[in-house]
Amino acid sequence: MLSYRHLYHAGNHADILKHYTLCRILSYLTQKDKPLRYIDTHAGAGRYDLNTSEAQKLQEYNDGIGRIRNAPKTPALVKDYLNLVAKCGSNNSYSYPGSPWLAAQLLRPYDRLELCELHPQDFPRLEKTMSAFKNSHCYDVDGFQKSASLLPPVERRGVVFIDPSYELKQDYSKVADHLQVLTRKFSTGVYAIWYPIVNSDQVARLHRAVRKQQHEKIACYELSVTADEAAKGMRGSGMIVINPPWSLTAEVTEFLEFAAPLVATDGGSHWRALDTL
């Protein structure tokens, strides 16, 4: 099932949480002068032109990146993220970066990017976007299947970013099952898993499934644009991070304290940053 197109939603409240978190993970890991491998299981198009008719249809970026871009008294680390986002555009293009583009900006020439995307419209765009980065490799395959074959990395250091569309309800259990497969092959890697908050029971089951795997360290961050748990549609999203950098929870907490009031839709919002899930 490949009906989901992220171009309609690029730059929304879910993107700012997952991409800020990813940027902080990579910024920390690249402080050490040792090679790193980055694996993206659902890479998307890599970059999204917000002037297109698809992006303009919903204009979700206005209530996500747009609100934090124009905010006063922005924390320094959030400014770093915003500067990267601004770098993605050009004089003739208002764009928002996907996770592959952000990762490529933060990684070094001797690091490697392995990017999987199965959608027939997004894969050519991903290849075009990432052609400027010679240390990247794009695969027109199912990222759930391919990522396991890429582990363990010869670099012995790695980040796996898992960000499916959750078009199918079973994706929640599929993500948990796949995480267990990956961590058995490479237990010391950093795994960043994004999930939507639509149904609280589905999220609770995902959390239980991950906790049962008994990873040494599991952090969890959530941002909801409303405090109303009965609100329809995707009211928020979350990140589960296995083996998070020691500074990550404090940095994401600062971001959530800053961003949550800005993206609230009804005068209320909800967020949490758990160092242990």
C-alpha atoms as a PDB file:
ATOM      1  CA  MET A   1       0.000   0.000   0.000  1.00  0.00           C
ATOM      2  CA  LEU A   2       1.785   3.134  -1.219  1.00  0.00           C
ATOM      3  CA  SER A   3      -0.797   5.900  -1.176  1.00  0.00           C
ATOM      4  CA  TYR A   4       0.954   8.081   1.416  1.00  0.00           C
ATOM      5  CA  ARG A   5       2.926  11.068   0.079  1.00  0.00           C
ATOM      6  CA  HIS A   6       4.824  13.104   2.633  1.00  0.00           C
ATOM      7  CA  LEU A   7       4.876  16.148   0.356  1.00  0.00           C
ATOM      8  CA  TYR A   8       1.350  16.961   1.559  1.00  0.00           C
ATOM      9  CA  HIS A   9       2.553  17.095   5.172  1.00  0.00           C
ATOM     10  CA  ALA A  10       6.181  18.279   4.997  1.00  0.00           C
ATOM     11  CA  GLY A  11       7.251  20.651   7.746  1.00  0.00           C
ATOM     12  CA  ASN A  12       4.323  19.876  10.047  1.00  0.00           C
ATOM     13  CA  HIS A  13       4.430  19.435  13.838  1.00  0.00           C
ATOM     14  CA  ALA A  14       5.531  15.805  13.485  1.00  0.00           C
ATOM     15  CA  ASP A  15       8.469  16.742  11.266  1.00  0.00           C
ATOM     16  CA  ILE A  16       9.851  19.330  13.650  1.00  0.00           C
ATOM     17  CA  LEU A  17       9.980  16.799  16.506  1.00  0.00           C
ATOM     18  CA  LYS A  18      11.525  13.940  14.565  1.00  0.00           C
ATOM     19  CA  HIS A  19      13.985  16.083  12.621  1.00  0.00           C
ATOM     20  CA  TYR A  20      15.172  18.114  15.595  1.00  0.00           C
ATOM     21  CA  THR A  21      15.710  14.840  17.479  1.00  0.00           C
ATOM     22  CA  LEU A  22      17.609  13.335  14.547  1.00  0.00           C
ATOM     23  CA  CYS A  23      19.811  16.425  14.211  1.00  0.00           C
ATOM     24  CA  ARG A  24      20.762  16.290  17.883  1.00  0.00           C
ATOM     25  CA  ILE A  25      21.614  12.574  17.648  1.00  0.00           C
ATOM     26  CA  LEU A  26      23.872  13.072  14.645  1.00  0.00           C
ATOM     27  CA  SER A  27      25.437  16.247  16.032  1.00  0.00           C
ATOM     28  CA  TYR A  28      26.472  14.319  19.123  1.00  0.00           C
ATOM     29  CA  LEU A  29      27.777  11.224  17.330  1.00  0.00           C
ATOM     30  CA  THR A  30      29.846  13.202  14.820  1.00  0.00           C
ATOM     31  CA  GLN A  31      31.835  14.811  17.636  1.00  0.00           C
ATOM     32  CA  LYS A  32      33.926  11.641  17.677  1.00  0.00           C
ATOM     33  CA  ASP A  33      36.343  11.352  14.767  1.00  0.00           C
ATOM     34  CA  LYS A  34      35.292   7.843  13.803  1.00  0.00           C
ATOM     35  CA  PRO A  35      33.170   6.839  10.781  1.00  0.00           C
ATOM     36  CA  LEU A  36      29.437   6.386  11.133  1.00  0.00           C
ATOM     37  CA  ARG A  37      26.765   4.696   9.051  1.00  0.00           C
ATOM     38  CA  TYR A  38      23.272   6.181   8.739  1.00  0.00           C
ATOM     39  CA  ILE A  39      20.395   3.963   7.581  1.00  0.00           C
ATOM     40  CA  ASP A  40      16.973   5.407   6.695  1.00  0.00           C
ATOM     41  CA  THR A  41      14.281   2.756   6.230  1.00  0.00           C
ATOM     42  CA  HIS A  42      11.638   5.079   4.718  1.00  0.00           C
ATOM     43  CA  ALA A  43      13.589   7.967   3.262  1.00  0.00           C
ATOM     44  CA  GLY A  44      10.877   9.709   1.237  1.00  0.00           C
ATOM     45  CA  ALA A  45      11.893  12.227  -1.413  1.00  0.00           C
ATOM     46  CA  GLY A  46      14.707  13.733   0.659  1.00  0.00           C
ATOM     47  CA  ARG A  47      13.578  17.308   0.087  1.00  0.00           C
ATOM     48  CA  TYR A  48      10.142  18.916  -0.382  1.00  0.00           C
ATOM     49  CA  ASP A  49       9.308  21.998  -2.419  1.00  0.00           C
ATOM     50  CA  LEU A  50       6.614  23.766  -0.419  1.00  0.00           C
ATOM     51  CA  ASN A  51       5.530  25.821  -3.432  1.00  0.00           C
ATOM     52  CA  THR A  52       4.038  22.754  -5.128  1.00  0.00           C
ATOM     53  CA  SER A  53       0.283  22.248  -5.385  1.00  0.00           C
ATOM     54  CA  GLU A  54       0.538  19.186  -3.129  1.00  0.00           C
ATOM     55  CA  ALA A  55       2.210  21.089  -0.280  1.00  0.00           C
ATOM     56  CA  GLN A  56      -0.070  24.077  -0.785  1.00  0.00           C
ATOM     57  CA  LYS A  57      -3.207  21.938  -0.518  1.00  0.00           C
ATOM     58  CA  LEU A  58      -2.937  21.509   3.266  1.00  0.00           C
ATOM     59  CA  GLN A  59      -0.113  23.949   4.101  1.00  0.00           C
ATOM     60  CA  GLU A  60       0.685  22.003   7.256  1.00  0.00           C
ATOM     61  CA  TYR A  61       4.131  23.607   7.355  1.00  0.00           C
ATOM     62  CA  ASN A  62       2.509  26.866   8.472  1.00  0.00           C
ATOM     63  CA  ASP A  63       1.500  25.257  11.767  1.00  0.00           C
ATOM     64  CA  GLY A  64       4.808  23.440  12.237  1.00  0.00           C
ATOM     65  CA  ILE A  65       8.110  24.825  11.018  1.00  0.00           C
ATOM     66  CA  GLY A  66       6.428  28.154  10.223  1.00  0.00           C
ATOM     67  CA  ARG A  67       5.482  28.772  13.845  1.00  0.00           C
ATOM     68  CA  ILE A  68       8.877  28.011  15.347  1.00  0.00           C
ATOM     69  CA  ARG A  69      10.748  29.825  12.563  1.00  0.00           C
ATOM     70  CA  ASN A  70       9.046  33.095  13.450  1.00  0.00           C
ATOM     71  CA  ALA A  71       9.183  32.749  17.221  1.00  0.00           C
ATOM     72  CA  PRO A  72      11.142  35.158  19.443  1.00  0.00           C
ATOM     73  CA  LYS A  73      13.858  34.059  21.883  1.00  0.00           C
ATOM     74  CA  THR A  74      14.728  30.842  20.059  1.00  0.00           C
ATOM     75  CA  PRO A  75      17.101  28.476  21.954  1.00  0.00           C
ATOM     76  CA  ALA A  76      20.561  28.136  20.397  1.00  0.00           C
ATOM     77  CA  LEU A  77      20.185  24.457  19.444  1.00  0.00           C
ATOM     78  CA  VAL A  78      16.819  25.151  17.816  1.00  0.00           C
ATOM     79  CA  LYS A  79      18.498  27.928  15.823  1.00  0.00           C
ATOM     80  CA  ASP A  80      21.020  25.357  14.572  1.00  0.00           C
ATOM     81  CA  TYR A  81      18.141  23.218  13.296  1.00  0.00           C
ATOM     82  CA  LEU A  82      16.385  26.216  11.724  1.00  0.00           C
ATOM     83  CA  ASN A  83      19.606  27.256   9.977  1.00  0.00           C
ATOM     84  CA  LEU A  84      19.821  23.805   8.395  1.00  0.00           C
ATOM     85  CA  VAL A  85      16.208  24.039   7.249  1.00  0.00           C
ATOM     86  CA  ALA A  86      16.860  27.470   5.725  1.00  0.00           C
ATOM     87  CA  LYS A  87      19.890  26.087   3.905  1.00  0.00           C
ATOM     88  CA  CYS A  88      17.635  23.588   2.114  1.00  0.00           C
ATOM     89  CA  GLY A  89      15.869  26.342   0.154  1.00  0.00           C
ATOM     90  CA  SER A  90      17.146  28.762  -2.453  1.00  0.00           C
ATOM     91  CA  ASN A  91      16.242  32.123  -3.904  1.00  0.00           C
ATOM     92  CA  ASN A  92      13.574  30.491  -6.074  1.00  0.00           C
ATOM     93  CA  SER A  93      12.433  27.714  -3.765  1.00  0.00           C
ATOM     94  CA  TYR A  94      10.696  27.506  -0.404  1.00  0.00           C
ATOM     95  CA  SER A  95      11.661  24.017   0.718  1.00  0.00           C
ATOM     96  CA  TYR A  96      11.704  21.748   3.717  1.00  0.00           C
ATOM     97  CA  PRO A  97      14.325  18.991   4.102  1.00  0.00           C
ATOM     98  CA  GLY A  98      13.614  15.347   4.732  1.00  0.00           C
ATOM     99  CA  SER A  99      15.691  13.199   7.065  1.00  0.00           C
ATOM    100  CA  PRO A 100      18.183  12.085   4.332  1.00  0.00           C
ATOM    101  CA  TRP A 101      19.084  15.677   3.422  1.00  0.00           C
ATOM    102  CA  LEU A 102      19.481  16.696   7.055  1.00  0.00           C
ATOM    103  CA  ALA A 103      21.641  13.647   7.775  1.00  0.00           C
ATOM    104  CA  ALA A 104      23.830  14.366   4.751  1.00  0.00           C
ATOM    105  CA  GLN A 105      24.441  17.897   5.982  1.00  0.00           C
ATOM    106  CA  LEU A 106      25.558  16.725   9.409  1.00  0.00           C
ATOM    107  CA  LEU A 107      27.604  13.689   8.428  1.00  0.00           C
ATOM    108  CA  ARG A 108      31.210  13.779   7.206  1.00  0.00           C
ATOM    109  CA  PRO A 109      32.519  12.658   3.766  1.00  0.00           C
ATOM    110  CA  TYR A 110      33.822   9.431   5.282  1.00  0.00           C
ATOM    111  CA  ASP A 111      30.432   8.546   6.804  1.00  0.00           C
ATOM    112  CA  ARG A 112      27.917   6.549   4.755  1.00  0.00           C
ATOM    113  CA  LEU A 113      24.217   7.024   4.130  1.00  0.00           C
ATOM    114  CA  GLU A 114      22.035   4.068   3.130  1.00  0.00           C
ATOM    115  CA  LEU A 115      18.577   5.293   2.059  1.00  0.00           C
ATOM    116  CA  CYS A 116      15.568   3.095   1.277  1.00  0.00           C
ATOM    117  CA  GLU A 117      12.392   4.268  -0.479  1.00  0.00           C
ATOM    118  CA  LEU A 118       9.849   2.109  -2.252  1.00  0.00           C
ATOM    119  CA  HIS A 119       7.364   4.693  -3.531  1.00  0.00           C
ATOM    120  CA  PRO A 120       7.677   4.940  -7.366  1.00  0.00           C
ATOM    121  CA  GLN A 121       7.205   8.721  -7.369  1.00  0.00           C
ATOM    122  CA  ASP A 122       9.402   9.549  -4.398  1.00  0.00           C
ATOM    123  CA  PHE A 123      12.374   7.307  -5.219  1.00  0.00           C
ATOM    124  CA  PRO A 124      13.489   9.240  -8.357  1.00  0.00           C
ATOM    125  CA  ARG A 125      13.216  12.469  -6.379  1.00  0.00           C
ATOM    126  CA  LEU A 126      15.291  10.965  -3.598  1.00  0.00           C
ATOM    127  CA  GLU A 127      18.001   9.952  -6.074  1.00  0.00           C
ATOM    128  CA  LYS A 128      18.044  13.427  -7.576  1.00  0.00           C
ATOM    129  CA  THR A 129      18.161  15.149  -4.197  1.00  0.00           C
ATOM    130  CA  MET A 130      20.949  12.953  -2.878  1.00  0.00           C
ATOM    131  CA  SER A 131      23.062  12.876  -6.061  1.00  0.00           C
ATOM    132  CA  ALA A 132      25.132  15.735  -4.668  1.00  0.00           C
ATOM    133  CA  PHE A 133      26.234  13.572  -1.747  1.00  0.00           C
ATOM    134  CA  LYS A 134      28.734  11.015  -2.966  1.00  0.00           C
ATOM    135  CA  ASN A 135      28.675   9.093   0.306  1.00  0.00           C
ATOM    136  CA  SER A 136      24.977   8.252  -0.074  1.00  0.00           C
ATOM    137  CA  HIS A 137      23.372   5.194  -1.655  1.00  0.00           C
ATOM    138  CA  CYS A 138      19.661   5.023  -2.530  1.00  0.00           C
ATOM    139  CA  TYR A 139      17.784   1.715  -2.689  1.00  0.00           C
ATOM    140  CA  ASP A 140      14.457   1.244  -4.463  1.00  0.00           C
ATOM    141  CA  VAL A 141      13.414  -1.437  -1.977  1.00  0.00           C
ATOM    142  CA  ASP A 142      11.374  -2.105   1.146  1.00  0.00           C
ATOM    143  CA  GLY A 143      13.353  -0.550   3.976  1.00  0.00           C
ATOM    144  CA  PHE A 144      12.117  -3.122   6.484  1.00  0.00           C
ATOM    145  CA  GLN A 145      13.755  -5.839   4.410  1.00  0.00           C
ATOM    146  CA  LYS A 146      16.901  -4.013   3.301  1.00  0.00           C
ATOM    147  CA  SER A 147      17.968  -2.467   6.590  1.00  0.00           C
ATOM    148  CA  ALA A 148      18.602  -5.821   8.265  1.00  0.00           C
ATOM    149  CA  SER A 149      21.066  -6.755   5.517  1.00  0.00           C
ATOM    150  CA  LEU A 150      23.032  -3.550   6.157  1.00  0.00           C
ATOM    151  CA  LEU A 151      23.791  -4.487   9.757  1.00  0.00           C
ATOM    152  CA  PRO A 152      26.118  -4.778  11.506  1.00  0.00           C
ATOM    153  CA  PRO A 153      28.002  -1.898   9.858  1.00  0.00           C
ATOM    154  CA  VAL A 154      31.705  -2.274   9.225  1.00  0.00           C
ATOM    155  CA  GLU A 155      32.131   1.117  10.891  1.00  0.00           C
ATOM    156  CA  ARG A 156      30.815  -0.393  14.177  1.00  0.00           C
ATOM    157  CA  ARG A 157      28.919   2.864  14.769  1.00  0.00           C
ATOM    158  CA  GLY A 158      25.511   3.583  13.307  1.00  0.00           C
ATOM    159  CA  VAL A 159      22.113   5.263  13.419  1.00  0.00           C
ATOM    160  CA  VAL A 160      18.970   3.625  12.053  1.00  0.00           C
ATOM    161  CA  PHE A 161      16.032   5.971  11.424  1.00  0.00           C
ATOM    162  CA  ILE A 162      12.681   4.137  11.186  1.00  0.00           C
ATOM    163  CA  ASP A 163       9.847   6.310   9.901  1.00  0.00           C
ATOM    164  CA  PRO A 164       7.101   4.389   8.056  1.00  0.00           C
ATOM    165  CA  SER A 165       3.798   6.000   7.120  1.00  0.00           C
ATOM    166  CA  TYR A 166       1.686   3.778   9.402  1.00  0.00           C
ATOM    167  CA  GLU A 167      -0.898   3.515   6.623  1.00  0.00           C
ATOM    168  CA  LEU A 168      -1.623   0.045   7.984  1.00  0.00           C
ATOM    169  CA  LYS A 169      -2.440  -0.519  11.662  1.00  0.00           C
ATOM    170  CA  GLN A 170      -0.082  -3.492  11.747  1.00  0.00           C
ATOM    171  CA  ASP A 171       2.833  -1.139  11.109  1.00  0.00           C
ATOM    172  CA  TYR A 172       2.977  -0.493  14.867  1.00  0.00           C
ATOM    173  CA  SER A 173       3.689  -4.152  15.607  1.00  0.00           C
ATOM    174  CA  LYS A 174       5.850  -4.454  12.493  1.00  0.00           C
ATOM    175  CA  VAL A 175       8.093  -1.647  13.722  1.00  0.00           C
ATOM    176  CA  ALA A 176       8.550  -3.334  17.099  1.00  0.00           C
ATOM    177  CA  ASP A 177       9.276  -6.723  15.530  1.00  0.00           C
ATOM    178  CA  HIS A 178      11.737  -5.183  13.091  1.00  0.00           C
ATOM    179  CA  LEU A 179      13.504  -3.290  15.843  1.00  0.00           C
ATOM    180  CA  GLN A 180      14.142  -6.564  17.642  1.00  0.00           C
ATOM    181  CA  VAL A 181      15.615  -8.090  14.482  1.00  0.00           C
ATOM    182  CA  LEU A 182      17.931  -5.120  13.977  1.00  0.00           C
ATOM    183  CA  THR A 183      19.142  -4.839  17.555  1.00  0.00           C
ATOM    184  CA  ARG A 184      19.961  -8.532  17.685  1.00  0.00           C
ATOM    185  CA  LYS A 185      22.337  -7.943  14.765  1.00  0.00           C
ATOM    186  CA  PHE A 186      23.722  -4.647  16.069  1.00  0.00           C
ATOM    187  CA  SER A 187      22.973  -4.029  19.735  1.00  0.00           C
ATOM    188  CA  THR A 188      25.111  -0.906  20.183  1.00  0.00           C
ATOM    189  CA  GLY A 189      23.552   1.171  17.395  1.00  0.00           C
ATOM    190  CA  VAL A 190      21.282   4.148  17.939  1.00  0.00           C
ATOM    191  CA  TYR A 191      17.724   3.495  16.750  1.00  0.00           C
ATOM    192  CA  ALA A 192      15.284   6.382  16.288  1.00  0.00           C
ATOM    193  CA  ILE A 193      11.658   5.337  15.700  1.00  0.00           C
ATOM    194  CA  TRP A 194       8.929   7.841  14.857  1.00  0.00           C
ATOM    195  CA  TYR A 195       5.234   7.085  15.396  1.00  0.00           C
ATOM    196  CA  PRO A 196       1.970   9.043  15.020  1.00  0.00           C
ATOM    197  CA  ILE A 197      -0.386   9.593  17.934  1.00  0.00           C
ATOM    198  CA  VAL A 198      -3.867   8.837  16.612  1.00  0.00           C
ATOM    199  CA  ASN A 199      -5.054   5.997  18.809  1.00  0.00           C
ATOM    200  CA  SER A 200      -3.737   5.847  22.386  1.00  0.00           C
ATOM    201  CA  ASP A 201      -4.154   2.082  22.580  1.00  0.00           C
ATOM    202  CA  GLN A 202      -1.946   1.533  19.524  1.00  0.00           C
ATOM    203  CA  VAL A 203       0.767   3.728  21.003  1.00  0.00           C
ATOM    204  CA  ALA A 204       0.546   1.926  24.349  1.00  0.00           C
ATOM    205  CA  ARG A 205       0.938  -1.440  22.612  1.00  0.00           C
ATOM    206  CA  LEU A 206       3.987  -0.177  20.726  1.00  0.00           C
ATOM    207  CA  HIS A 207       5.563   1.038  23.964  1.00  0.00           C
ATOM    208  CA  ARG A 208       4.887  -2.290  25.701  1.00  0.00           C
ATOM    209  CA  ALA A 209       6.355  -4.256  22.810  1.00  0.00           C
ATOM    210  CA  VAL A 210       9.552  -2.194  22.842  1.00  0.00           C
ATOM    211  CA  ARG A 211       9.893  -2.369  26.642  1.00  0.00           C
ATOM    212  CA  LYS A 212       9.566  -6.161  26.528  1.00  0.00           C
ATOM    213  CA  GLN A 213      12.679  -6.286  24.367  1.00  0.00           C
ATOM    214  CA  GLN A 214      14.647  -5.081  27.409  1.00  0.00           C
ATOM    215  CA  HIS A 215      17.037  -2.723  25.669  1.00  0.00           C
ATOM    216  CA  GLU A 216      19.575  -1.206  28.014  1.00  0.00           C
ATOM    217  CA  LYS A 217      18.370   2.351  27.388  1.00  0.00           C
ATOM    218  CA  ILE A 218      15.049   3.522  25.873  1.00  0.00           C
ATOM    219  CA  ALA A 219      14.092   7.219  25.717  1.00  0.00           C
ATOM    220  CA  CYS A 220      10.723   8.519  24.538  1.00  0.00           C
ATOM    221  CA  TYR A 221       9.603  11.977  23.424  1.00  0.00           C
ATOM    222  CA  GLU A 222       6.087  13.082  22.448  1.00  0.00           C
ATOM    223  CA  LEU A 223       4.524  16.278  21.161  1.00  0.00           C
ATOM    224  CA  SER A 224       0.765  16.710  20.765  1.00  0.00           C
ATOM    225  CA  VAL A 225      -0.783  19.903  19.411  1.00  0.00           C
ATOM    226  CA  THR A 226      -3.861  19.456  21.594  1.00  0.00           C
ATOM    227  CA  ALA A 227      -4.461  18.175  25.090  1.00  0.00           C
ATOM    228  CA  ASP A 228      -7.770  16.661  23.939  1.00  0.00           C
ATOM    229  CA  GLU A 229      -7.220  12.912  23.637  1.00  0.00           C
ATOM    230  CA  ALA A 230     -10.549  12.578  21.824  1.00  0.00           C
ATOM    231  CA  ALA A 231      -9.439  14.865  18.975  1.00  0.00           C
ATOM    232  CA  LYS A 232      -9.740  13.274  15.548  1.00  0.00           C
ATOM    233  CA  GLY A 233      -6.807  12.576  13.276  1.00  0.00           C
ATOM    234  CA  MET A 234      -3.120  12.752  14.143  1.00  0.00           C
ATOM    235  CA  ARG A 235      -3.035  14.955  17.194  1.00  0.00           C
ATOM    236  CA  GLY A 236       0.650  14.417  17.814  1.00  0.00           C
ATOM    237  CA  SER A 237       3.621  12.136  17.344  1.00  0.00           C
ATOM    238  CA  GLY A 238       6.453  10.571  19.252  1.00  0.00           C
ATOM    239  CA  MET A 239      10.008   9.318  19.041  1.00  0.00           C
ATOM    240  CA  ILE A 240      11.441   6.228  20.679  1.00  0.00           C
ATOM    241  CA  VAL A 241      15.236   6.261  20.808  1.00  0.00           C
ATOM    242  CA  ILE A 242      17.234   3.165  21.674  1.00  0.00           C
ATOM    243  CA  ASN A 243      20.744   3.879  23.037  1.00  0.00           C
ATOM    244  CA  PRO A 244      20.243   7.674  23.028  1.00  0.00           C
ATOM    245  CA  PRO A 245      23.225  10.008  23.500  1.00  0.00           C
ATOM    246  CA  TRP A 246      23.473  11.064  27.124  1.00  0.00           C
ATOM    247  CA  SER A 247      22.589  14.693  26.345  1.00  0.00           C
ATOM    248  CA  LEU A 248      19.573  13.962  24.130  1.00  0.00           C
ATOM    249  CA  THR A 249      16.727  14.061  26.649  1.00  0.00           C
ATOM    250  CA  ALA A 250      17.793  17.449  28.030  1.00  0.00           C
ATOM    251  CA  GLU A 251      18.097  18.867  24.514  1.00  0.00           C
ATOM    252  CA  VAL A 252      14.718  17.540  23.385  1.00  0.00           C
ATOM    253  CA  THR A 253      13.121  18.759  26.614  1.00  0.00           C
ATOM    254  CA  GLU A 254      14.351  22.280  25.867  1.00  0.00           C
ATOM    255  CA  PHE A 255      12.917  22.008  22.364  1.00  0.00           C
ATOM    256  CA  LEU A 256       9.530  20.758  23.575  1.00  0.00           C
ATOM    257  CA  GLU A 257       9.237  23.473  26.212  1.00  0.00           C
ATOM    258  CA  PHE A 258       9.847  26.010  23.452  1.00  0.00           C
ATOM    259  CA  ALA A 259       7.824  24.459  20.613  1.00  0.00           C
ATOM    260  CA  ALA A 260       4.740  22.974  22.294  1.00  0.00           C
ATOM    261  CA  PRO A 261       3.006  26.291  23.099  1.00  0.00           C
ATOM    262  CA  LEU A 262       3.742  27.557  19.587  1.00  0.00           C
ATOM    263  CA  VAL A 263       2.163  24.643  17.712  1.00  0.00           C
ATOM    264  CA  ALA A 264      -0.881  24.218  19.972  1.00  0.00           C
ATOM    265  CA  THR A 265      -4.113  24.264  17.969  1.00  0.00           C
ATOM    266  CA  ASP A 266      -6.697  24.929  20.683  1.00  0.00           C
ATOM    267  CA  GLY A 267      -4.781  26.841  23.300  1.00  0.00           C
ATOM    268  CA  GLY A 268      -3.512  23.611  24.797  1.00  0.00           C
ATOM    269  CA  SER A 269      -0.802  21.112  23.982  1.00  0.00           C
ATOM    270  CA  HIS A 270       0.843  18.118  25.581  1.00  0.00           C
ATOM    271  CA  TRP A 271       4.415  16.933  25.602  1.00  0.00           C
ATOM    272  CA  ARG A 272       6.674  14.643  27.536  1.00  0.00           C
ATOM    273  CA  ALA A 273      10.336  13.674  27.487  1.00  0.00           C
ATOM    274  CA  LEU A 274      11.135  10.400  29.215  1.00  0.00           C
ATOM    275  CA  ASP A 275      14.724   9.359  29.786  1.00  0.00           C
ATOM    276  CA  THR A 276      13.393   5.861  30.428  1.00  0.00           C
ATOM    277  CA  LEU A 277      10.273   4.522  28.675  1.00  0.00           C
END
